C-alpha atoms as a PDB file:
ATOM      1  CA  MET A   1     118.149 122.346 115.624  1.00  0.00           C
ATOM      2  CA  THR A   2     121.406 120.430 116.092  1.00  0.00           C
ATOM      3  CA  THR A   3     124.382 122.051 114.371  1.00  0.00           C
ATOM      4  CA  LEU A   4     126.471 119.602 112.382  1.00  0.00           C
ATOM      5  CA  PRO A   5     130.113 119.378 113.453  1.00  0.00           C
ATOM      6  CA  GLN A   6     132.832 121.103 111.448  1.00  0.00           C
ATOM      7  CA  PRO A   7     135.243 118.965 109.351  1.00  0.00           C
ATOM      8  CA  THR A   8     137.710 118.727 112.234  1.00  0.00           C
ATOM      9  CA  ASP A   9     134.918 117.354 114.427  1.00  0.00           C
ATOM     10  CA  HIS A  10     134.095 114.853 111.684  1.00  0.00           C
ATOM     11  CA  ARG A  11     137.584 113.406 111.883  1.00  0.00           C
ATOM     12  CA  ARG A  12     137.397 113.251 115.657  1.00  0.00           C
ATOM     13  CA  LEU A  13     134.003 111.522 115.508  1.00  0.00           C
ATOM     14  CA  TRP A  14     135.276 108.945 113.011  1.00  0.00           C
ATOM     15  CA  TRP A  15     138.226 108.183 115.294  1.00  0.00           C
ATOM     16  CA  GLU A  16     135.872 107.909 118.252  1.00  0.00           C
ATOM     17  CA  ILE A  17     133.529 105.547 116.373  1.00  0.00           C
ATOM     18  CA  ALA A  18     136.472 103.435 115.213  1.00  0.00           C
ATOM     19  CA  ILE A  19     137.787 103.096 118.775  1.00  0.00           C
ATOM     20  CA  ILE A  20     134.384 102.148 120.218  1.00  0.00           C
ATOM     21  CA  LEU A  21     133.752  99.566 117.483  1.00  0.00           C
ATOM     22  CA  THR A  22     137.271  98.150 117.760  1.00  0.00           C
ATOM     23  CA  LEU A  23     136.661  97.581 121.463  1.00  0.00           C
ATOM     24  CA  SER A  24     133.273  95.948 120.946  1.00  0.00           C
ATOM     25  CA  ILE A  25     130.919  95.127 118.077  1.00  0.00           C
ATOM     26  CA  GLY A  26     133.286  95.879 115.201  1.00  0.00           C
ATOM     27  CA  ARG A  27     136.033  93.596 116.471  1.00  0.00           C
ATOM     28  CA  SER A  28     133.560  90.761 117.047  1.00  0.00           C
ATOM     29  CA  ALA A  29     132.038  91.314 113.586  1.00  0.00           C
ATOM     30  CA  VAL A  30     135.441  90.902 111.925  1.00  0.00           C
ATOM     31  CA  TYR A  31     136.136  87.678 113.825  1.00  0.00           C
ATOM     32  CA  SER A  32     132.611  86.460 113.040  1.00  0.00           C
ATOM     33  CA  VAL A  33     133.034  86.962 109.281  1.00  0.00           C
ATOM     34  CA  ILE A  34     136.433  85.245 109.381  1.00  0.00           C
ATOM     35  CA  SER A  35     134.891  82.383 111.330  1.00  0.00           C
ATOM     36  CA  LEU A  36     132.229  81.869 108.633  1.00  0.00           C
ATOM     37  CA  LEU A  37     134.783  82.010 105.817  1.00  0.00           C
ATOM     38  CA  GLU A  38     136.966  79.489 107.619  1.00  0.00           C
ATOM     39  CA  ALA A  39     133.940  77.249 108.274  1.00  0.00           C
ATOM     40  CA  LEU A  40     133.065  77.261 104.556  1.00  0.00           C
ATOM     41  CA  THR A  41     136.468  75.720 103.797  1.00  0.00           C
ATOM     42  CA  ARG A  42     136.022  72.850 106.264  1.00  0.00           C
ATOM     43  CA  ALA A  43     132.674  71.163 105.577  1.00  0.00           C
ATOM     44  CA  PRO A  44     129.041  71.959 104.738  1.00  0.00           C
ATOM     45  CA  LEU A  45     127.665  74.447 107.262  1.00  0.00           C
ATOM     46  CA  GLY A  46     124.803  72.123 108.123  1.00  0.00           C
ATOM     47  CA  ASP A  47     127.318  69.585 109.487  1.00  0.00           C
ATOM     48  CA  GLN A  48     129.063  72.079 111.769  1.00  0.00           C
ATOM     49  CA  GLN A  49     128.347  73.374 115.248  1.00  0.00           C
ATOM     50  CA  THR A  50     129.058  76.506 117.282  1.00  0.00           C
ATOM     51  CA  SER A  51     128.275  77.547 120.843  1.00  0.00           C
ATOM     52  CA  LEU A  52     126.614  80.737 122.012  1.00  0.00           C
ATOM     53  CA  ASN A  53     127.897  80.549 125.571  1.00  0.00           C
ATOM     54  CA  PRO A  54     130.815  78.135 125.933  1.00  0.00           C
ATOM     55  CA  GLY A  55     131.564  79.449 129.415  1.00  0.00           C
ATOM     56  CA  ALA A  56     128.070  79.094 130.826  1.00  0.00           C
ATOM     57  CA  GLY A  57     128.704  75.424 131.569  1.00  0.00           C
ATOM     58  CA  ALA A  58     131.472  76.240 134.056  1.00  0.00           C
ATOM     59  CA  THR A  59     131.693  73.613 136.780  1.00  0.00           C
ATOM     60  CA  ALA A  60     134.155  75.063 139.311  1.00  0.00           C
ATOM     61  CA  PHE A  61     134.063  78.193 141.462  1.00  0.00           C
ATOM     62  CA  TRP A  62     137.037  79.826 139.767  1.00  0.00           C
ATOM     63  CA  ASP A  63     135.602  79.114 136.307  1.00  0.00           C
ATOM     64  CA  VAL A  64     132.333  80.724 137.344  1.00  0.00           C
ATOM     65  CA  LEU A  65     134.133  83.732 138.807  1.00  0.00           C
ATOM     66  CA  GLU A  66     136.107  84.186 135.588  1.00  0.00           C
ATOM     67  CA  GLN A  67     132.907  84.096 133.538  1.00  0.00           C
ATOM     68  CA  VAL A  68     131.193  86.660 135.782  1.00  0.00           C
ATOM     69  CA  LEU A  69     134.204  88.974 135.536  1.00  0.00           C
ATOM     70  CA  ALA A  70     134.338  88.495 131.751  1.00  0.00           C
ATOM     71  CA  TYR A  71     130.686  89.539 131.419  1.00  0.00           C
ATOM     72  CA  VAL A  72     131.159  92.525 133.741  1.00  0.00           C
ATOM     73  CA  PHE A  73     134.305  93.754 131.990  1.00  0.00           C
ATOM     74  CA  GLY A  74     132.523  93.138 128.689  1.00  0.00           C
ATOM     75  CA  LEU A  75     130.219  96.011 129.612  1.00  0.00           C
ATOM     76  CA  ALA A  76     133.119  98.507 129.556  1.00  0.00           C
ATOM     77  CA  PRO A  77     132.390  99.599 125.943  1.00  0.00           C
ATOM     78  CA  VAL A  78     128.780 100.254 126.993  1.00  0.00           C
ATOM     79  CA  ALA A  79     129.958 102.482 129.839  1.00  0.00           C
ATOM     80  CA  LEU A  80     132.375 104.279 127.506  1.00  0.00           C
ATOM     81  CA  ALA A  81     129.673 104.893 124.883  1.00  0.00           C
ATOM     82  CA  ILE A  82     127.300 106.321 127.492  1.00  0.00           C
ATOM     83  CA  TYR A  83     130.110 108.497 128.882  1.00  0.00           C
ATOM     84  CA  LEU A  84     130.887 109.884 125.418  1.00  0.00           C
ATOM     85  CA  LEU A  85     127.186 110.629 124.843  1.00  0.00           C
ATOM     86  CA  TRP A  86     126.968 112.618 128.089  1.00  0.00           C
ATOM     87  CA  GLU A  87     126.187 116.310 127.747  1.00  0.00           C
ATOM     88  CA  PRO A  88     125.681 119.087 130.321  1.00  0.00           C
ATOM     89  CA  ALA A  89     121.965 119.242 129.518  1.00  0.00           C
ATOM     90  CA  ALA A  90     121.312 115.486 129.557  1.00  0.00           C
ATOM     91  CA  SER A  91     122.989 112.352 130.816  1.00  0.00           C
ATOM     92  CA  GLY A  92     124.064 109.681 128.362  1.00  0.00           C
ATOM     93  CA  PHE A  93     121.371 107.393 129.793  1.00  0.00           C
ATOM     94  CA  ARG A  94     118.606 109.923 129.243  1.00  0.00           C
ATOM     95  CA  LYS A  95     119.888 110.904 125.822  1.00  0.00           C
ATOM     96  CA  ILE A  96     119.305 107.436 124.380  1.00  0.00           C
ATOM     97  CA  GLY A  97     116.355 106.506 126.585  1.00  0.00           C
ATOM     98  CA  LEU A  98     118.154 103.938 128.738  1.00  0.00           C
ATOM     99  CA  THR A  99     116.149 104.803 131.847  1.00  0.00           C
ATOM    100  CA  PHE A 100     113.372 103.218 133.883  1.00  0.00           C
ATOM    101  CA  GLU A 101     110.879 105.939 132.986  1.00  0.00           C
ATOM    102  CA  ARG A 102     107.712 104.607 131.314  1.00  0.00           C
ATOM    103  CA  PHE A 103     108.665 101.193 132.655  1.00  0.00           C
ATOM    104  CA  GLY A 104     105.384  99.542 131.656  1.00  0.00           C
ATOM    105  CA  ARG A 105     105.606 100.867 128.103  1.00  0.00           C
ATOM    106  CA  ASN A 106     109.237  99.767 127.859  1.00  0.00           C
ATOM    107  CA  VAL A 107     108.342  96.232 128.892  1.00  0.00           C
ATOM    108  CA  SER A 108     105.219  95.979 126.729  1.00  0.00           C
ATOM    109  CA  GLY A 109     107.068  97.446 123.746  1.00  0.00           C
ATOM    110  CA  GLY A 110     109.931  95.024 124.296  1.00  0.00           C
ATOM    111  CA  LEU A 111     107.601  92.034 124.469  1.00  0.00           C
ATOM    112  CA  LEU A 112     105.893  93.171 121.269  1.00  0.00           C
ATOM    113  CA  LEU A 113     109.283  93.220 119.575  1.00  0.00           C
ATOM    114  CA  VAL A 114     109.971  89.718 120.894  1.00  0.00           C
ATOM    115  CA  ALA A 115     106.874  88.485 119.062  1.00  0.00           C
ATOM    116  CA  VAL A 116     107.736  90.409 115.887  1.00  0.00           C
ATOM    117  CA  ILE A 117     111.401  89.348 115.813  1.00  0.00           C
ATOM    118  CA  GLY A 118     111.719  86.163 117.860  1.00  0.00           C
ATOM    119  CA  ILE A 119     109.200  83.921 116.119  1.00  0.00           C
ATOM    120  CA  PRO A 120     110.289  84.732 112.526  1.00  0.00           C
ATOM    121  CA  GLY A 121     113.924  84.466 113.670  1.00  0.00           C
ATOM    122  CA  LEU A 122     113.321  80.950 114.942  1.00  0.00           C
ATOM    123  CA  GLY A 123     111.696  80.100 111.631  1.00  0.00           C
ATOM    124  CA  LEU A 124     114.685  81.457 109.682  1.00  0.00           C
ATOM    125  CA  TYR A 125     117.053  79.408 111.818  1.00  0.00           C
ATOM    126  CA  ALA A 126     115.025  76.239 111.261  1.00  0.00           C
ATOM    127  CA  LEU A 127     114.837  76.944 107.520  1.00  0.00           C
ATOM    128  CA  GLY A 128     118.582  77.566 107.382  1.00  0.00           C
ATOM    129  CA  ARG A 129     119.250  74.272 109.164  1.00  0.00           C
ATOM    130  CA  THR A 130     116.938  72.452 106.771  1.00  0.00           C
ATOM    131  CA  LEU A 131     118.719  73.981 103.755  1.00  0.00           C
ATOM    132  CA  GLY A 132     122.139  73.290 105.266  1.00  0.00           C
ATOM    133  CA  ILE A 133     123.262  76.941 105.216  1.00  0.00           C
ATOM    134  CA  THR A 134     123.188  77.544 108.963  1.00  0.00           C
ATOM    135  CA  VAL A 135     125.608  76.226 111.570  1.00  0.00           C
ATOM    136  CA  GLN A 136     124.168  74.159 114.426  1.00  0.00           C
ATOM    137  CA  VAL A 137     123.980  76.732 117.236  1.00  0.00           C
ATOM    138  CA  ASP A 138     124.423  75.086 120.611  1.00  0.00           C
ATOM    139  CA  ALA A 139     123.360  77.206 123.576  1.00  0.00           C
ATOM    140  CA  SER A 140     124.994  75.874 126.728  1.00  0.00           C
ATOM    141  CA  PRO A 141     122.892  72.995 128.069  1.00  0.00           C
ATOM    142  CA  LEU A 142     121.221  73.392 131.425  1.00  0.00           C
ATOM    143  CA  ASP A 143     122.573  71.333 134.306  1.00  0.00           C
ATOM    144  CA  SER A 144     121.991  71.000 138.028  1.00  0.00           C
ATOM    145  CA  SER A 145     124.483  73.726 139.025  1.00  0.00           C
ATOM    146  CA  TRP A 146     122.725  76.673 140.663  1.00  0.00           C
ATOM    147  CA  TRP A 147     124.907  79.157 138.796  1.00  0.00           C
ATOM    148  CA  THR A 148     124.102  77.970 135.263  1.00  0.00           C
ATOM    149  CA  ILE A 149     120.920  80.004 134.782  1.00  0.00           C
ATOM    150  CA  PRO A 150     122.337  83.148 136.481  1.00  0.00           C
ATOM    151  CA  LEU A 151     125.332  82.961 134.116  1.00  0.00           C
ATOM    152  CA  LEU A 152     123.011  82.648 131.112  1.00  0.00           C
ATOM    153  CA  LEU A 153     120.912  85.587 132.349  1.00  0.00           C
ATOM    154  CA  LEU A 154     124.047  87.678 132.817  1.00  0.00           C
ATOM    155  CA  ALA A 155     125.198  86.737 129.304  1.00  0.00           C
ATOM    156  CA  ALA A 156     121.829  87.803 127.897  1.00  0.00           C
ATOM    157  CA  LEU A 157     121.958  91.119 129.764  1.00  0.00           C
ATOM    158  CA  ARG A 158     125.493  91.829 128.554  1.00  0.00           C
ATOM    159  CA  ALA A 159     124.555  91.048 124.934  1.00  0.00           C
ATOM    160  CA  GLY A 160     121.403  93.171 125.083  1.00  0.00           C
ATOM    161  CA  LEU A 161     123.173  96.201 126.541  1.00  0.00           C
ATOM    162  CA  LEU A 162     126.248  95.919 124.320  1.00  0.00           C
ATOM    163  CA  GLU A 163     124.399  95.571 121.044  1.00  0.00           C
ATOM    164  CA  GLU A 164     121.559  98.012 121.631  1.00  0.00           C
ATOM    165  CA  VAL A 165     123.512 100.756 123.418  1.00  0.00           C
ATOM    166  CA  VAL A 166     126.520 100.697 121.083  1.00  0.00           C
ATOM    167  CA  MET A 167     124.930  99.631 117.801  1.00  0.00           C
ATOM    168  CA  VAL A 168     121.750 101.692 118.129  1.00  0.00           C
ATOM    169  CA  GLY A 169     121.929 104.403 120.776  1.00  0.00           C
ATOM    170  CA  TYR A 170     125.550 105.433 120.295  1.00  0.00           C
ATOM    171  CA  LEU A 171     125.929 104.918 116.538  1.00  0.00           C
ATOM    172  CA  PHE A 172     122.621 106.605 115.699  1.00  0.00           C
ATOM    173  CA  ASP A 173     123.725 109.711 117.586  1.00  0.00           C
ATOM    174  CA  ARG A 174     127.213 109.824 116.087  1.00  0.00           C
ATOM    175  CA  LEU A 175     126.189 109.044 112.511  1.00  0.00           C
ATOM    176  CA  ARG A 176     123.467 111.690 112.663  1.00  0.00           C
ATOM    177  CA  ARG A 177     126.147 114.182 113.679  1.00  0.00           C
ATOM    178  CA  LEU A 178     128.113 113.119 110.623  1.00  0.00           C
ATOM    179  CA  GLY A 179     125.119 114.018 108.450  1.00  0.00           C
ATOM    180  CA  TRP A 180     123.926 110.502 107.578  1.00  0.00           C
ATOM    181  CA  SER A 181     120.259 110.064 106.696  1.00  0.00           C
ATOM    182  CA  THR A 182     117.984 107.991 108.929  1.00  0.00           C
ATOM    183  CA  TRP A 183     117.648 105.048 106.563  1.00  0.00           C
ATOM    184  CA  THR A 184     121.351 105.019 105.772  1.00  0.00           C
ATOM    185  CA  ILE A 185     121.995 104.693 109.506  1.00  0.00           C
ATOM    186  CA  ILE A 186     119.327 102.012 109.953  1.00  0.00           C
ATOM    187  CA  LEU A 187     120.617  99.887 107.069  1.00  0.00           C
ATOM    188  CA  SER A 188     124.277 100.353 108.007  1.00  0.00           C
ATOM    189  CA  THR A 189     123.783  99.371 111.644  1.00  0.00           C
ATOM    190  CA  ALA A 190     121.568  96.459 110.558  1.00  0.00           C
ATOM    191  CA  GLY A 191     124.376  95.251 108.304  1.00  0.00           C
ATOM    192  CA  LEU A 192     126.818  95.510 111.208  1.00  0.00           C
ATOM    193  CA  ARG A 193     124.415  93.539 113.396  1.00  0.00           C
ATOM    194  CA  GLY A 194     124.240  90.847 110.740  1.00  0.00           C
ATOM    195  CA  ALA A 195     128.044  90.718 110.396  1.00  0.00           C
ATOM    196  CA  TYR A 196     128.324  90.362 114.184  1.00  0.00           C
ATOM    197  CA  HIS A 197     126.319  87.095 113.962  1.00  0.00           C
ATOM    198  CA  THR A 198     127.813  85.751 110.722  1.00  0.00           C
ATOM    199  CA  TYR A 199     129.592  82.912 112.541  1.00  0.00           C
ATOM    200  CA  GLN A 200     126.172  81.250 112.929  1.00  0.00           C
ATOM    201  CA  GLY A 201     125.648  80.952 109.171  1.00  0.00           C
ATOM    202  CA  PHE A 202     123.496  82.601 106.531  1.00  0.00           C
ATOM    203  CA  GLY A 203     120.099  82.122 108.195  1.00  0.00           C
ATOM    204  CA  PRO A 204     121.023  84.087 111.358  1.00  0.00           C
ATOM    205  CA  LEU A 205     122.838  86.620 109.145  1.00  0.00           C
ATOM    206  CA  VAL A 206     119.600  87.442 107.314  1.00  0.00           C
ATOM    207  CA  GLY A 207     117.559  87.252 110.519  1.00  0.00           C
ATOM    208  CA  ASN A 208     119.797  89.669 112.401  1.00  0.00           C
ATOM    209  CA  ILE A 209     119.861  92.142 109.520  1.00  0.00           C
ATOM    210  CA  ALA A 210     116.051  92.104 109.586  1.00  0.00           C
ATOM    211  CA  MET A 211     116.151  92.524 113.362  1.00  0.00           C
ATOM    212  CA  GLY A 212     118.490  95.484 112.931  1.00  0.00           C
ATOM    213  CA  VAL A 213     116.133  97.158 110.457  1.00  0.00           C
ATOM    214  CA  VAL A 214     113.132  96.721 112.771  1.00  0.00           C
ATOM    215  CA  PHE A 215     115.033  97.807 115.888  1.00  0.00           C
ATOM    216  CA  GLY A 216     116.525 100.796 114.078  1.00  0.00           C
ATOM    217  CA  TRP A 217     113.140 101.936 112.804  1.00  0.00           C
ATOM    218  CA  VAL A 218     111.597 101.481 116.255  1.00  0.00           C
ATOM    219  CA  TYR A 219     114.390 103.505 117.873  1.00  0.00           C
ATOM    220  CA  HIS A 220     113.895 106.244 115.282  1.00  0.00           C
ATOM    221  CA  ARG A 221     110.181 106.354 116.134  1.00  0.00           C
ATOM    222  CA  TRP A 222     110.348 105.872 119.923  1.00  0.00           C
ATOM    223  CA  GLY A 223     113.718 107.448 120.702  1.00  0.00           C
ATOM    224  CA  ARG A 224     114.354 104.938 123.490  1.00  0.00           C
ATOM    225  CA  VAL A 225     116.860 102.100 123.735  1.00  0.00           C
ATOM    226  CA  MET A 226     115.294 100.484 126.794  1.00  0.00           C
ATOM    227  CA  PRO A 227     112.507  98.598 124.905  1.00  0.00           C
ATOM    228  CA  LEU A 228     115.167  97.239 122.543  1.00  0.00           C
ATOM    229  CA  VAL A 229     117.290  96.064 125.478  1.00  0.00           C
ATOM    230  CA  VAL A 230     114.231  94.408 127.067  1.00  0.00           C
ATOM    231  CA  ALA A 231     113.401  92.630 123.784  1.00  0.00           C
ATOM    232  CA  HIS A 232     116.995  91.559 123.160  1.00  0.00           C
ATOM    233  CA  VAL A 233     117.453  90.179 126.676  1.00  0.00           C
ATOM    234  CA  VAL A 234     114.147  88.274 126.547  1.00  0.00           C
ATOM    235  CA  ILE A 235     114.984  86.803 123.115  1.00  0.00           C
ATOM    236  CA  ASP A 236     118.393  85.679 124.353  1.00  0.00           C
ATOM    237  CA  VAL A 237     116.998  84.228 127.572  1.00  0.00           C
ATOM    238  CA  ILE A 238     114.483  82.233 125.549  1.00  0.00           C
ATOM    239  CA  ALA A 239     117.276  81.050 123.236  1.00  0.00           C
ATOM    240  CA  PHE A 240     119.738  80.237 126.035  1.00  0.00           C
ATOM    241  CA  VAL A 241     117.362  78.632 128.532  1.00  0.00           C
ATOM    242  CA  GLY A 242     114.796  77.239 126.090  1.00  0.00           C
ATOM    243  CA  TYR A 243     117.346  75.613 123.790  1.00  0.00           C
ATOM    244  CA  PRO A 244     117.566  72.268 125.654  1.00  0.00           C
ATOM    245  CA  LEU A 245     113.787  71.926 125.418  1.00  0.00           C
ATOM    246  CA  ALA A 246     113.834  72.687 121.696  1.00  0.00           C
ATOM    247  CA  ALA A 247     116.642  70.160 121.193  1.00  0.00           C
ATOM    248  CA  ALA A 248     114.543  67.525 122.955  1.00  0.00           C
ATOM    249  CA  TRP A 249     111.341  68.331 121.044  1.00  0.00           C
ATOM    250  CA  TRP A 250     112.875  68.818 117.565  1.00  0.00           C
ATOM    251  CA  PRO A 251     116.196  66.935 117.569  1.00  0.00           C
ATOM    252  CA  GLY A 252     116.397  66.923 113.780  1.00  0.00           C
ATOM    253  CA  VAL A 253     116.632  70.716 113.734  1.00  0.00           C
ATOM    254  CA  PHE A 254     118.171  71.687 117.068  1.00  0.00           C
ATOM    255  CA  ALA A 255     120.182  68.730 118.286  1.00  0.00           C
ATOM    256  CA  PRO A 256     123.918  68.703 117.556  1.00  0.00           C
ATOM    257  CA  PRO A 257     125.046  66.708 114.517  1.00  0.00           C
ATOM    258  CA  GLY A 258     125.442  63.105 115.498  1.00  0.00           C
ATOM    259  CA  GLY A 259     123.808  63.812 118.898  1.00  0.00           C
END
């Protein structure tokens, strides 16, 4: 049985959590909420637009290099979280199940989550656009540059690792040590996930909270982050690379306003 930390350890853990979140998800969540509040003062959300990957359309070598470095350095909080989870008896990777063991099960479990989360999420986005409560989300359009898709894949990998390692693997471990119950952790991290995507409007807010609940419950049952990372990366790749096709097929829902 794991012994809960003493009060002094509680304070240290809270400081640690605050630092990790300030460097990653928490900081982005604050900016995301502010972005939504600011957007509400400008015009109806349905008439506005935001971009998932503004840098993925880079057209010059130095722009591409800067984007690659930004994605790589963006993984620093992931490395820090894994380092802090490291124990003499188990590596940080093994502790949260971020390994290539059971590779087939990780992939099949991830793809199952894609079906459970991705399809309803697309429906929520479309409904939000129809109701005018969701911002037009513009994934970077594909072009003829060879680096466009690699940049989008790297962006998807960074997002999957950052959100699932920090928001699920790391926070679940630390909040358990603080004595939080399983469902309190699941709902709290789901709320943080929703806040992180608030800039997209109310539809994605609800969708990402639901995603957080499902992912949190799955992690509680499976004890492995890898299937969540697989699912998250696949969902983002579909969103990033498949967006231009969706915009062409359903311009009323996916095309930019006035496009």
